[in-house]
Amino acid sequence: MDWNEIQNFSSNIVFGILLFAMITYWINLSLFTESGFLPKLGRFSTIIANLILFFILCSRWIVAGYFPLSNLYESLLFLTWLLLSIYLYIEKQTKSKLIGSILIPVTLLISGFANLTLSPEMQKSSPLVPALQSNWLMMHVSMMLLSYSTLIIGSLLCILFLVISRYREVDLKLLDDSSLPLYNIMLDYYEAKLLAPSTEISELGKLKLLQSIDNWSYRIIGLGFPFLTIGIISGGVWANEAWGSYWSWDPKETWALITWLVFAAYLHARITKGWQGRKPAIIAAGGFFVVWICYLGVNILGKGLHSYGWFF
């Protein structure tokens, strides 16, 4: 068994582990109980999947001799690893089972797309083309993928906010005057209903949950936006070095700019306008789809310097 077969086998194991973790999180969420075993099992499975992905990326780096971000398959693996790493940190901070229930399915879809949809030829490591033989490869691509992962998680939390609030306007500022103590972790609404069945306390728990989701989405998107900015700038410098032009309005560049403008609008609304809740969540929810168009849609369907030429 050569290295490619070992890596593909390991990647398939990651898919199976993520499927198991997703089922674990969903069962735990549906039980409406304070069970500690299932969340620990889901987190342990996620850690194992993350470590295997780290092994795959490092082995491809050692065997190929360059940072494994030269093709779509490697970028999908790296994106999955980043999403899981960021999730594990957030889950440790919030103790929330909701985030795993919505994020693990996304990583499962990415892993399934990489392993089951891409051809074996697209999964193999290949020598870098001259344009990619640059020190800017690691800087630009890693920053862009790091921004994608953080923006995806932040946007998912905004979508979760809209779902729980049922797309209604919620005045989160009312919580500042609440005489009841704040929760120190991201409170699960279902746990609040179980522990305090009265309508008043349950609605307060829901409001606390929405406030926590709103705050975490803002913090994560605020982290991802500088990464996106650095990635775009480094890409421009690399393009000038390779092709003699900082900006050529390639479809990938255009959608990267659109992504930047969408999340700039989100941060502007939060910082300058002081918006909270539904309005900025709508902007970030739209940004979730823009990120995927920028990352996959343009690369696969479009024609340009960043196209993988899968369909056309």
Foldseek 3Di string as FASTA:
>chain_A
DDLLVVLLVLLVVLLVLLVVLLVLLVVVVVVLDPDPVSVVSSLVSLVVSLVSLVVSQVVCCVVQVHRQPQADLSLLSVLLNLLSVVVSVQCVQFVDSVLSNQSSVVNSVSSCCSNPPDDSVRSDDDDHDPLCPDPLNCVQSVLLSNLLSLLLSLLSLLVVLCVLVVLDDDDLVVVVPDPDDQDSHLQDLSNQCVVPVDPVSSVVSSSSNSVVSQVSSLVSNVVSLVSLVSNLQSCLVSCCVRPVGSDDVFVLNVLSVVLNVLSVVLVCCCPVVVDTGNPSSVSSNVSNVSSCCNSPVCQDPNDGPNHPPPPD
